[in-house]
Amino acid sequence: MTVDVRSLIDPEERRATIPALYDLRIRIFRGWPYLYEGTADYEADYLAEFFREPGAVLVVAKDGDAIVGAATASPMAAQKPEFQEPLRRHGLDVARIFYFGESVLLPAFQGQGIGHRFFDAREAAARAAGAVQTSFCAVIRPEDHPMRPEAPRDLHPFWRARGYAPVDGLTGTLAWQDLGDDFESAHLMQFWMRDL
């Protein structure tokens, strides 16, 4: 079956996807490098808050009725301070930047061009909103992390092929609960950007 990739605009349609989206996010982010111990309640609140932003973008990939992937974006000015402040300190105008949140896709559907379609849709939305740059964050884990897999999937070549590059010295922190922990801890995040 062909995977259908499209942006969801209707607020009711977005709300109806929340349980499938939080399940997908928890499943994917449990893996390397995020190692995220997510909960349905937190994810439901996070997604509902995200969708309240008028400029928020949600792109879904569906195999039949099942959501197998999703990507989000919104104006950086609508993001939490922990995302905005590193950019401001770096002298960047957050009002002109579109932030790409998560992009999650079940492994069975990787390598079929869906990731490119996620980026295409979000970049088109950023241009339509008048943004001149796009940005996302990637967690930095130490090379000797005890949960690092033998051969982790490296998305850096894919991101670079899309025109993104890590910005030297542009990092922030984001807190979440790692697998096996019973507390949240801060994680170093590298900002990647490109001009539109």
N, C-alpha and C. Protein backbone atom coordinates (compact mmCIF):
# COMPACT_ATOMS: atom_id res chain seq x y z
N MET A 1 0.83 -1.18 0.00
CA MET A 1 0.00 0.00 0.00
C MET A 1 0.88 1.25 0.00
N THR A 2 0.47 2.27 -0.75
CA THR A 2 1.21 3.51 -0.80
C THR A 2 0.96 4.32 0.46
N VAL A 3 2.05 4.89 1.01
CA VAL A 3 1.92 5.72 2.20
C VAL A 3 1.48 7.12 1.78
N ASP A 4 0.44 7.61 2.41
CA ASP A 4 -0.09 8.95 2.15
C ASP A 4 0.55 9.92 3.13
N VAL A 5 1.20 10.97 2.61
CA VAL A 5 1.83 11.99 3.45
C VAL A 5 1.12 13.30 3.18
N ARG A 6 0.58 13.90 4.24
CA ARG A 6 -0.13 15.17 4.05
C ARG A 6 -0.15 15.97 5.34
N SER A 7 -0.32 17.28 5.17
CA SER A 7 -0.46 18.19 6.31
C SER A 7 -1.90 18.17 6.79
N LEU A 8 -2.06 18.15 8.11
CA LEU A 8 -3.39 18.23 8.70
C LEU A 8 -3.62 19.65 9.18
N ILE A 9 -4.66 20.27 8.67
CA ILE A 9 -4.97 21.66 8.99
C ILE A 9 -6.13 21.77 9.97
N ASP A 10 -7.14 20.95 9.78
CA ASP A 10 -8.36 21.02 10.57
C ASP A 10 -8.08 20.71 12.05
N PRO A 11 -8.45 21.62 12.97
CA PRO A 11 -8.17 21.39 14.39
C PRO A 11 -8.78 20.10 14.94
N GLU A 12 -9.98 19.76 14.51
CA GLU A 12 -10.61 18.53 15.00
C GLU A 12 -9.85 17.30 14.51
N GLU A 13 -9.41 17.35 13.27
CA GLU A 13 -8.65 16.23 12.73
C GLU A 13 -7.33 16.08 13.47
N ARG A 14 -6.69 17.20 13.79
CA ARG A 14 -5.44 17.15 14.57
C ARG A 14 -5.69 16.54 15.94
N ARG A 15 -6.73 17.04 16.63
CA ARG A 15 -7.02 16.52 17.97
C ARG A 15 -7.28 15.02 17.94
N ALA A 16 -7.94 14.56 16.90
CA ALA A 16 -8.25 13.13 16.80
C ALA A 16 -7.00 12.27 16.64
N THR A 17 -5.92 12.87 16.17
CA THR A 17 -4.68 12.10 15.97
C THR A 17 -3.83 11.99 17.23
N ILE A 18 -4.15 12.77 18.27
CA ILE A 18 -3.25 12.86 19.42
C ILE A 18 -2.90 11.50 20.03
N PRO A 19 -3.85 10.59 20.31
CA PRO A 19 -3.44 9.30 20.89
C PRO A 19 -2.46 8.52 20.00
N ALA A 20 -2.70 8.51 18.69
CA ALA A 20 -1.78 7.80 17.79
C ALA A 20 -0.43 8.49 17.76
N LEU A 21 -0.42 9.82 17.81
CA LEU A 21 0.84 10.56 17.77
C LEU A 21 1.66 10.36 19.04
N TYR A 22 1.01 10.40 20.20
CA TYR A 22 1.83 10.23 21.41
C TYR A 22 2.34 8.81 21.51
N ASP A 23 1.57 7.84 21.06
CA ASP A 23 2.07 6.46 21.05
C ASP A 23 3.29 6.34 20.14
N LEU A 24 3.21 6.95 18.97
CA LEU A 24 4.32 6.91 18.01
C LEU A 24 5.55 7.61 18.58
N ARG A 25 5.37 8.80 19.16
CA ARG A 25 6.49 9.54 19.73
C ARG A 25 7.17 8.74 20.85
N ILE A 26 6.38 8.17 21.73
CA ILE A 26 6.96 7.40 22.84
C ILE A 26 7.75 6.22 22.29
N ARG A 27 7.18 5.49 21.32
CA ARG A 27 7.86 4.32 20.76
C ARG A 27 9.19 4.69 20.11
N ILE A 28 9.17 5.74 19.28
CA ILE A 28 10.39 6.12 18.56
C ILE A 28 11.42 6.73 19.50
N PHE A 29 11.00 7.63 20.39
CA PHE A 29 11.96 8.32 21.25
C PHE A 29 12.51 7.47 22.39
N ARG A 30 11.96 6.27 22.58
CA ARG A 30 12.60 5.35 23.53
C ARG A 30 13.95 4.87 22.99
N GLY A 31 14.10 4.91 21.69
CA GLY A 31 15.33 4.44 21.07
C GLY A 31 16.46 5.46 21.12
N TRP A 32 17.60 5.05 20.62
CA TRP A 32 18.78 5.89 20.54
C TRP A 32 18.54 7.01 19.54
N PRO A 33 18.98 8.22 19.80
CA PRO A 33 19.78 8.68 20.95
C PRO A 33 18.96 9.33 22.07
N TYR A 34 17.61 9.33 21.95
CA TYR A 34 16.82 10.08 22.92
C TYR A 34 16.61 9.32 24.23
N LEU A 35 16.38 8.01 24.16
CA LEU A 35 16.25 7.19 25.36
C LEU A 35 15.21 7.78 26.32
N TYR A 36 14.09 8.19 25.77
CA TYR A 36 13.07 8.98 26.45
C TYR A 36 12.04 8.09 27.13
N GLU A 37 11.86 8.33 28.42
CA GLU A 37 10.86 7.61 29.21
C GLU A 37 9.58 8.43 29.23
N GLY A 38 8.86 8.40 28.11
CA GLY A 38 7.67 9.23 27.97
C GLY A 38 6.44 8.63 28.61
N THR A 39 5.46 9.49 28.86
CA THR A 39 4.17 9.03 29.38
C THR A 39 3.06 9.58 28.49
N ALA A 40 1.98 8.85 28.43
CA ALA A 40 0.85 9.27 27.60
C ALA A 40 0.29 10.61 28.06
N ASP A 41 0.19 10.84 29.37
CA ASP A 41 -0.36 12.09 29.88
C ASP A 41 0.50 13.28 29.47
N TYR A 42 1.83 13.14 29.64
CA TYR A 42 2.71 14.25 29.25
C TYR A 42 2.60 14.52 27.75
N GLU A 43 2.63 13.46 26.97
CA GLU A 43 2.58 13.63 25.51
C GLU A 43 1.27 14.25 25.05
N ALA A 44 0.16 13.83 25.64
CA ALA A 44 -1.14 14.40 25.27
C ALA A 44 -1.17 15.89 25.56
N ASP A 45 -0.66 16.30 26.73
CA ASP A 45 -0.61 17.73 27.08
C ASP A 45 0.31 18.49 26.14
N TYR A 46 1.48 17.92 25.87
CA TYR A 46 2.46 18.57 24.98
C TYR A 46 1.85 18.80 23.59
N LEU A 47 1.24 17.78 23.03
CA LEU A 47 0.68 17.89 21.68
C LEU A 47 -0.50 18.86 21.63
N ALA A 48 -1.35 18.82 22.65
CA ALA A 48 -2.49 19.74 22.69
C ALA A 48 -2.00 21.19 22.75
N GLU A 49 -0.98 21.44 23.57
CA GLU A 49 -0.40 22.79 23.65
C GLU A 49 0.23 23.20 22.32
N PHE A 50 0.94 22.28 21.71
CA PHE A 50 1.60 22.58 20.42
C PHE A 50 0.57 22.97 19.37
N PHE A 51 -0.52 22.23 19.30
CA PHE A 51 -1.53 22.48 18.27
C PHE A 51 -2.33 23.76 18.50
N ARG A 52 -2.29 24.31 19.73
CA ARG A 52 -2.99 25.56 19.98
C ARG A 52 -2.32 26.75 19.29
N GLU A 53 -1.03 26.62 18.96
CA GLU A 53 -0.32 27.68 18.26
C GLU A 53 -0.88 27.78 16.84
N PRO A 54 -1.39 28.97 16.44
CA PRO A 54 -2.01 29.10 15.12
C PRO A 54 -1.10 28.74 13.95
N GLY A 55 0.19 28.95 14.09
CA GLY A 55 1.10 28.65 12.99
C GLY A 55 1.65 27.24 12.99
N ALA A 56 1.19 26.40 13.92
CA ALA A 56 1.73 25.05 14.03
C ALA A 56 1.42 24.20 12.81
N VAL A 57 2.38 23.37 12.45
CA VAL A 57 2.27 22.48 11.28
C VAL A 57 2.35 21.04 11.76
N LEU A 58 1.45 20.21 11.25
CA LEU A 58 1.50 18.78 11.52
C LEU A 58 1.40 18.04 10.19
N VAL A 59 2.42 17.25 9.90
CA VAL A 59 2.45 16.43 8.69
C VAL A 59 2.41 14.97 9.16
N VAL A 60 1.51 14.19 8.60
CA VAL A 60 1.41 12.78 8.99
C VAL A 60 1.63 11.88 7.79
N ALA A 61 2.17 10.71 8.06
CA ALA A 61 2.30 9.64 7.07
C ALA A 61 1.38 8.52 7.51
N LYS A 62 0.47 8.13 6.61
CA LYS A 62 -0.50 7.08 6.95
C LYS A 62 -0.38 5.92 5.98
N ASP A 63 -0.37 4.74 6.56
CA ASP A 63 -0.44 3.50 5.79
C ASP A 63 -1.85 2.97 6.04
N GLY A 64 -2.74 3.21 5.09
CA GLY A 64 -4.15 2.92 5.33
C GLY A 64 -4.66 3.88 6.38
N ASP A 65 -5.24 3.35 7.46
CA ASP A 65 -5.73 4.20 8.54
C ASP A 65 -4.70 4.43 9.64
N ALA A 66 -3.57 3.74 9.57
CA ALA A 66 -2.58 3.80 10.65
C ALA A 66 -1.57 4.92 10.40
N ILE A 67 -1.35 5.75 11.42
CA ILE A 67 -0.30 6.77 11.35
C ILE A 67 1.03 6.09 11.64
N VAL A 68 1.94 6.14 10.65
CA VAL A 68 3.24 5.47 10.78
C VAL A 68 4.38 6.46 10.93
N GLY A 69 4.07 7.75 10.78
CA GLY A 69 5.08 8.78 10.93
C GLY A 69 4.43 10.14 11.06
N ALA A 70 5.17 11.08 11.62
CA ALA A 70 4.66 12.44 11.78
C ALA A 70 5.82 13.40 11.95
N ALA A 71 5.57 14.64 11.55
CA ALA A 71 6.56 15.70 11.72
C ALA A 71 5.82 16.98 12.08
N THR A 72 6.44 17.80 12.93
CA THR A 72 5.81 19.04 13.37
C THR A 72 6.74 20.21 13.13
N ALA A 73 6.16 21.40 13.11
CA ALA A 73 6.92 22.64 12.99
C ALA A 73 6.04 23.78 13.45
N SER A 74 6.67 24.92 13.76
CA SER A 74 5.92 26.12 14.12
C SER A 74 6.88 27.30 14.11
N PRO A 75 6.35 28.52 14.12
CA PRO A 75 7.25 29.67 14.24
C PRO A 75 8.08 29.55 15.53
N MET A 76 9.37 29.88 15.43
CA MET A 76 10.23 29.80 16.61
C MET A 76 9.72 30.72 17.72
N ALA A 77 9.11 31.85 17.36
CA ALA A 77 8.60 32.78 18.36
C ALA A 77 7.51 32.15 19.23
N ALA A 78 6.93 31.03 18.78
CA ALA A 78 5.89 30.35 19.56
C ALA A 78 6.46 29.24 20.43
N GLN A 79 7.77 29.01 20.35
CA GLN A 79 8.37 27.93 21.10
C GLN A 79 8.71 28.36 22.53
N LYS A 80 9.01 27.39 23.36
CA LYS A 80 9.36 27.64 24.75
C LYS A 80 10.70 28.40 24.83
N PRO A 81 10.92 29.11 25.94
CA PRO A 81 12.16 29.87 26.09
C PRO A 81 13.43 29.05 25.91
N GLU A 82 13.41 27.78 26.33
CA GLU A 82 14.63 26.98 26.21
C GLU A 82 15.06 26.77 24.75
N PHE A 83 14.13 26.91 23.80
CA PHE A 83 14.47 26.85 22.39
C PHE A 83 14.86 28.23 21.84
N GLN A 84 14.20 29.27 22.32
CA GLN A 84 14.46 30.61 21.81
C GLN A 84 15.75 31.23 22.33
N GLU A 85 16.02 31.07 23.61
CA GLU A 85 17.14 31.79 24.23
C GLU A 85 18.50 31.51 23.60
N PRO A 86 18.84 30.26 23.28
CA PRO A 86 20.14 30.04 22.64
C PRO A 86 20.28 30.80 21.31
N LEU A 87 19.18 30.90 20.56
CA LEU A 87 19.21 31.63 19.29
C LEU A 87 19.39 33.13 19.54
N ARG A 88 18.68 33.65 20.52
CA ARG A 88 18.82 35.07 20.85
C ARG A 88 20.25 35.38 21.28
N ARG A 89 20.81 34.52 22.13
CA ARG A 89 22.20 34.74 22.58
C ARG A 89 23.18 34.70 21.41
N HIS A 90 22.81 33.97 20.38
CA HIS A 90 23.66 33.85 19.19
C HIS A 90 23.41 35.01 18.20
N GLY A 91 22.53 35.94 18.58
CA GLY A 91 22.26 37.10 17.75
C GLY A 91 21.28 36.87 16.62
N LEU A 92 20.48 35.82 16.72
CA LEU A 92 19.52 35.49 15.67
C LEU A 92 18.13 36.03 16.00
N ASP A 93 17.38 36.37 14.99
CA ASP A 93 16.04 36.93 15.13
C ASP A 93 15.02 35.78 15.12
N VAL A 94 14.48 35.44 16.28
CA VAL A 94 13.57 34.29 16.36
C VAL A 94 12.29 34.54 15.57
N ALA A 95 11.95 35.79 15.33
CA ALA A 95 10.73 36.09 14.57
C ALA A 95 10.85 35.69 13.10
N ARG A 96 12.06 35.41 12.65
CA ARG A 96 12.26 35.08 11.24
C ARG A 96 12.67 33.62 11.04
N ILE A 97 12.55 32.83 12.11
CA ILE A 97 12.98 31.43 12.08
C ILE A 97 11.78 30.52 12.31
N PHE A 98 11.71 29.43 11.58
CA PHE A 98 10.68 28.40 11.77
C PHE A 98 11.36 27.21 12.42
N TYR A 99 10.75 26.71 13.48
CA TYR A 99 11.34 25.59 14.22
C TYR A 99 10.71 24.28 13.81
N PHE A 100 11.55 23.30 13.51
CA PHE A 100 11.08 21.96 13.21
C PHE A 100 11.20 21.13 14.47
N GLY A 101 10.05 20.67 14.96
CA GLY A 101 10.03 19.83 16.15
C GLY A 101 10.41 18.41 15.77
N GLU A 102 9.67 17.47 16.29
CA GLU A 102 10.00 16.07 16.05
C GLU A 102 9.67 15.64 14.63
N SER A 103 10.39 14.64 14.19
CA SER A 103 10.10 13.92 12.96
C SER A 103 10.29 12.46 13.31
N VAL A 104 9.20 11.72 13.36
CA VAL A 104 9.25 10.32 13.79
C VAL A 104 8.63 9.44 12.72
N LEU A 105 9.26 8.30 12.50
CA LEU A 105 8.80 7.38 11.47
C LEU A 105 9.16 5.96 11.88
N LEU A 106 8.19 5.06 11.80
CA LEU A 106 8.46 3.67 12.15
C LEU A 106 9.55 3.10 11.24
N PRO A 107 10.45 2.29 11.79
CA PRO A 107 11.58 1.78 11.01
C PRO A 107 11.18 1.08 9.70
N ALA A 108 10.08 0.37 9.68
CA ALA A 108 9.66 -0.35 8.47
C ALA A 108 9.38 0.59 7.30
N PHE A 109 9.19 1.88 7.59
CA PHE A 109 8.84 2.84 6.54
C PHE A 109 9.99 3.79 6.21
N GLN A 110 11.14 3.58 6.85
CA GLN A 110 12.29 4.42 6.56
C GLN A 110 12.90 4.04 5.22
N GLY A 111 13.58 5.00 4.59
CA GLY A 111 14.24 4.73 3.32
C GLY A 111 13.32 4.77 2.11
N GLN A 112 12.11 5.31 2.28
CA GLN A 112 11.14 5.38 1.19
C GLN A 112 10.86 6.82 0.75
N GLY A 113 11.66 7.77 1.21
CA GLY A 113 11.48 9.16 0.83
C GLY A 113 10.51 9.93 1.70
N ILE A 114 9.98 9.31 2.74
CA ILE A 114 8.99 9.98 3.58
C ILE A 114 9.64 11.11 4.37
N GLY A 115 10.86 10.90 4.85
CA GLY A 115 11.57 11.96 5.57
C GLY A 115 11.73 13.20 4.71
N HIS A 116 12.04 13.02 3.42
CA HIS A 116 12.15 14.16 2.51
C HIS A 116 10.81 14.88 2.37
N ARG A 117 9.75 14.11 2.30
CA ARG A 117 8.42 14.72 2.17
C ARG A 117 8.05 15.50 3.43
N PHE A 118 8.48 15.00 4.59
CA PHE A 118 8.27 15.74 5.83
C PHE A 118 8.98 17.10 5.75
N PHE A 119 10.25 17.08 5.33
CA PHE A 119 11.00 18.33 5.24
C PHE A 119 10.40 19.25 4.18
N ASP A 120 10.02 18.70 3.03
CA ASP A 120 9.41 19.53 1.97
C ASP A 120 8.19 20.27 2.50
N ALA A 121 7.31 19.57 3.19
CA ALA A 121 6.07 20.17 3.68
C ALA A 121 6.36 21.24 4.73
N ARG A 122 7.29 20.97 5.63
CA ARG A 122 7.59 21.94 6.68
C ARG A 122 8.31 23.16 6.12
N GLU A 123 9.21 22.94 5.18
CA GLU A 123 9.90 24.08 4.57
C GLU A 123 8.92 24.94 3.77
N ALA A 124 7.96 24.32 3.09
CA ALA A 124 6.94 25.09 2.36
C ALA A 124 6.12 25.93 3.34
N ALA A 125 5.76 25.35 4.49
CA ALA A 125 5.01 26.10 5.50
C ALA A 125 5.83 27.25 6.06
N ALA A 126 7.12 27.02 6.26
CA ALA A 126 8.00 28.08 6.77
C ALA A 126 8.07 29.25 5.79
N ARG A 127 8.23 28.94 4.50
CA ARG A 127 8.26 30.00 3.49
C ARG A 127 6.94 30.75 3.44
N ALA A 128 5.84 30.01 3.51
CA ALA A 128 4.51 30.64 3.48
C ALA A 128 4.31 31.57 4.67
N ALA A 129 4.95 31.26 5.79
CA ALA A 129 4.84 32.09 7.00
C ALA A 129 5.81 33.26 6.99
N GLY A 130 6.65 33.35 5.95
CA GLY A 130 7.60 34.46 5.86
C GLY A 130 8.92 34.23 6.56
N ALA A 131 9.19 33.00 7.00
CA ALA A 131 10.46 32.70 7.66
C ALA A 131 11.60 32.74 6.64
N VAL A 132 12.79 33.10 7.11
CA VAL A 132 13.96 33.12 6.23
C VAL A 132 14.96 32.02 6.60
N GLN A 133 14.74 31.38 7.76
CA GLN A 133 15.59 30.28 8.19
C GLN A 133 14.73 29.22 8.87
N THR A 134 15.22 27.99 8.85
CA THR A 134 14.60 26.90 9.60
C THR A 134 15.65 26.30 10.52
N SER A 135 15.18 25.69 11.59
CA SER A 135 16.10 25.16 12.59
C SER A 135 15.46 23.96 13.29
N PHE A 136 16.31 23.07 13.75
CA PHE A 136 15.87 21.99 14.63
C PHE A 136 17.01 21.66 15.58
N CYS A 137 16.73 20.87 16.59
CA CYS A 137 17.74 20.46 17.57
C CYS A 137 17.94 18.96 17.54
N ALA A 138 19.15 18.54 17.80
CA ALA A 138 19.46 17.11 17.93
C ALA A 138 20.25 16.90 19.22
N VAL A 139 19.88 15.87 19.95
CA VAL A 139 20.56 15.59 21.22
C VAL A 139 22.00 15.13 20.96
N ILE A 140 22.88 15.55 21.85
CA ILE A 140 24.28 15.13 21.80
C ILE A 140 24.50 14.13 22.93
N ARG A 141 24.89 12.92 22.57
CA ARG A 141 25.19 11.90 23.56
C ARG A 141 26.68 11.57 23.49
N PRO A 142 27.32 11.26 24.62
CA PRO A 142 28.74 10.91 24.58
C PRO A 142 28.99 9.60 23.82
N GLU A 143 30.13 9.54 23.17
CA GLU A 143 30.49 8.36 22.39
C GLU A 143 30.52 7.09 23.24
N ASP A 144 30.84 7.23 24.51
CA ASP A 144 30.95 6.06 25.38
C ASP A 144 29.70 5.82 26.22
N HIS A 145 28.56 6.39 25.78
CA HIS A 145 27.32 6.19 26.53
C HIS A 145 27.01 4.70 26.61
N PRO A 146 26.67 4.18 27.80
CA PRO A 146 26.47 2.73 27.95
C PRO A 146 25.30 2.17 27.13
N MET A 147 24.36 3.02 26.68
CA MET A 147 23.23 2.51 25.92
C MET A 147 23.38 2.76 24.41
N ARG A 148 24.55 3.24 24.00
CA ARG A 148 24.78 3.46 22.57
C ARG A 148 24.78 2.12 21.84
N PRO A 149 23.98 2.00 20.77
CA PRO A 149 23.99 0.73 20.02
C PRO A 149 25.29 0.54 19.27
N GLU A 150 25.51 -0.68 18.82
CA GLU A 150 26.74 -1.03 18.10
C GLU A 150 26.93 -0.16 16.85
N ALA A 151 25.90 0.01 16.07
CA ALA A 151 25.99 0.82 14.85
C ALA A 151 24.76 1.71 14.77
N PRO A 152 24.76 2.83 15.50
CA PRO A 152 23.56 3.68 15.51
C PRO A 152 23.31 4.33 14.15
N ARG A 153 22.05 4.55 13.85
CA ARG A 153 21.67 5.21 12.61
C ARG A 153 22.11 6.67 12.68
N ASP A 154 22.84 7.11 11.67
CA ASP A 154 23.37 8.47 11.62
C ASP A 154 22.55 9.30 10.63
N LEU A 155 21.80 10.27 11.14
CA LEU A 155 20.97 11.12 10.29
C LEU A 155 21.71 12.34 9.77
N HIS A 156 22.95 12.55 10.20
CA HIS A 156 23.69 13.74 9.77
C HIS A 156 23.83 13.84 8.25
N PRO A 157 24.16 12.78 7.53
CA PRO A 157 24.24 12.90 6.06
C PRO A 157 22.91 13.29 5.43
N PHE A 158 21.81 12.77 5.94
CA PHE A 158 20.49 13.13 5.42
C PHE A 158 20.22 14.61 5.65
N TRP A 159 20.48 15.08 6.87
CA TRP A 159 20.24 16.49 7.18
C TRP A 159 21.12 17.40 6.33
N ARG A 160 22.38 17.02 6.17
CA ARG A 160 23.29 17.84 5.35
C ARG A 160 22.82 17.86 3.89
N ALA A 161 22.32 16.75 3.39
CA ALA A 161 21.82 16.70 2.01
C ALA A 161 20.61 17.61 1.84
N ARG A 162 19.90 17.89 2.92
CA ARG A 162 18.77 18.80 2.88
C ARG A 162 19.20 20.25 3.02
N GLY A 163 20.50 20.49 3.18
CA GLY A 163 21.01 21.85 3.29
C GLY A 163 21.20 22.34 4.71
N TYR A 164 21.06 21.46 5.69
CA TYR A 164 21.22 21.84 7.10
C TYR A 164 22.65 21.59 7.56
N ALA A 165 23.07 22.39 8.54
CA ALA A 165 24.39 22.20 9.14
C ALA A 165 24.30 22.58 10.61
N PRO A 166 25.12 21.92 11.46
CA PRO A 166 25.15 22.33 12.86
C PRO A 166 25.82 23.70 12.95
N VAL A 167 25.29 24.57 13.81
CA VAL A 167 25.84 25.91 13.97
C VAL A 167 26.83 25.88 15.13
N ASP A 168 28.08 26.19 14.84
CA ASP A 168 29.11 26.16 15.87
C ASP A 168 28.72 27.02 17.07
N GLY A 169 28.79 26.42 18.24
CA GLY A 169 28.52 27.14 19.47
C GLY A 169 27.06 27.37 19.78
N LEU A 170 26.17 26.89 18.92
CA LEU A 170 24.74 27.12 19.15
C LEU A 170 24.12 25.85 19.72
N THR A 171 24.09 25.80 21.04
CA THR A 171 23.53 24.65 21.75
C THR A 171 22.59 25.15 22.85
N GLY A 172 21.73 24.28 23.28
CA GLY A 172 20.85 24.57 24.40
C GLY A 172 20.67 23.30 25.20
N THR A 173 19.82 23.33 26.17
CA THR A 173 19.53 22.13 26.96
C THR A 173 18.02 21.93 27.04
N LEU A 174 17.65 20.68 27.12
CA LEU A 174 16.25 20.29 27.25
C LEU A 174 16.19 19.14 28.25
N ALA A 175 15.27 19.22 29.18
CA ALA A 175 15.16 18.19 30.22
C ALA A 175 14.09 17.17 29.88
N TRP A 176 14.42 15.91 30.09
CA TRP A 176 13.44 14.83 30.05
C TRP A 176 13.96 13.67 30.88
N GLN A 177 13.10 12.70 31.11
CA GLN A 177 13.45 11.53 31.91
C GLN A 177 14.00 10.45 30.99
N ASP A 178 15.24 10.03 31.25
CA ASP A 178 15.85 8.95 30.48
C ASP A 178 15.31 7.60 30.93
N LEU A 179 15.38 6.63 30.03
CA LEU A 179 15.00 5.27 30.38
C LEU A 179 15.76 4.81 31.62
N GLY A 180 15.06 4.22 32.55
CA GLY A 180 15.70 3.68 33.75
C GLY A 180 15.87 4.69 34.87
N ASP A 181 15.64 5.98 34.59
CA ASP A 181 15.76 7.00 35.63
C ASP A 181 14.39 7.29 36.22
N ASP A 182 14.38 7.85 37.42
CA ASP A 182 13.10 8.28 38.01
C ASP A 182 13.10 9.79 38.22
N PHE A 183 13.91 10.49 37.42
CA PHE A 183 14.02 11.95 37.51
C PHE A 183 14.33 12.48 36.11
N GLU A 184 14.04 13.76 35.91
CA GLU A 184 14.42 14.41 34.66
C GLU A 184 15.85 14.92 34.76
N SER A 185 16.55 14.93 33.65
CA SER A 185 17.90 15.49 33.60
C SER A 185 18.04 16.32 32.33
N ALA A 186 18.96 17.28 32.37
CA ALA A 186 19.20 18.16 31.24
C ALA A 186 20.04 17.45 30.18
N HIS A 187 19.69 17.67 28.91
CA HIS A 187 20.41 17.06 27.80
C HIS A 187 20.87 18.17 26.86
N LEU A 188 22.12 18.06 26.43
CA LEU A 188 22.69 19.05 25.52
C LEU A 188 22.12 18.84 24.12
N MET A 189 21.65 19.93 23.52
CA MET A 189 21.02 19.88 22.20
C MET A 189 21.79 20.78 21.23
N GLN A 190 22.14 20.24 20.07
CA GLN A 190 22.82 20.99 19.03
C GLN A 190 21.79 21.53 18.04
N PHE A 191 21.84 22.84 17.76
CA PHE A 191 20.97 23.44 16.76
C PHE A 191 21.56 23.25 15.37
N TRP A 192 20.71 22.83 14.44
CA TRP A 192 21.03 22.75 13.02
C TRP A 192 20.14 23.78 12.31
N MET A 193 20.68 24.43 11.27
CA MET A 193 19.92 25.46 10.59
C MET A 193 20.20 25.44 9.09
N ARG A 194 19.29 26.10 8.34
CA ARG A 194 19.54 26.41 6.94
C ARG A 194 18.77 27.67 6.58
N ASP A 195 19.27 28.36 5.58
CA ASP A 195 18.55 29.51 5.03
C ASP A 195 17.55 28.99 4.00
N LEU A 196 16.43 29.67 3.93
CA LEU A 196 15.42 29.30 2.93
C LEU A 196 15.63 30.11 1.65
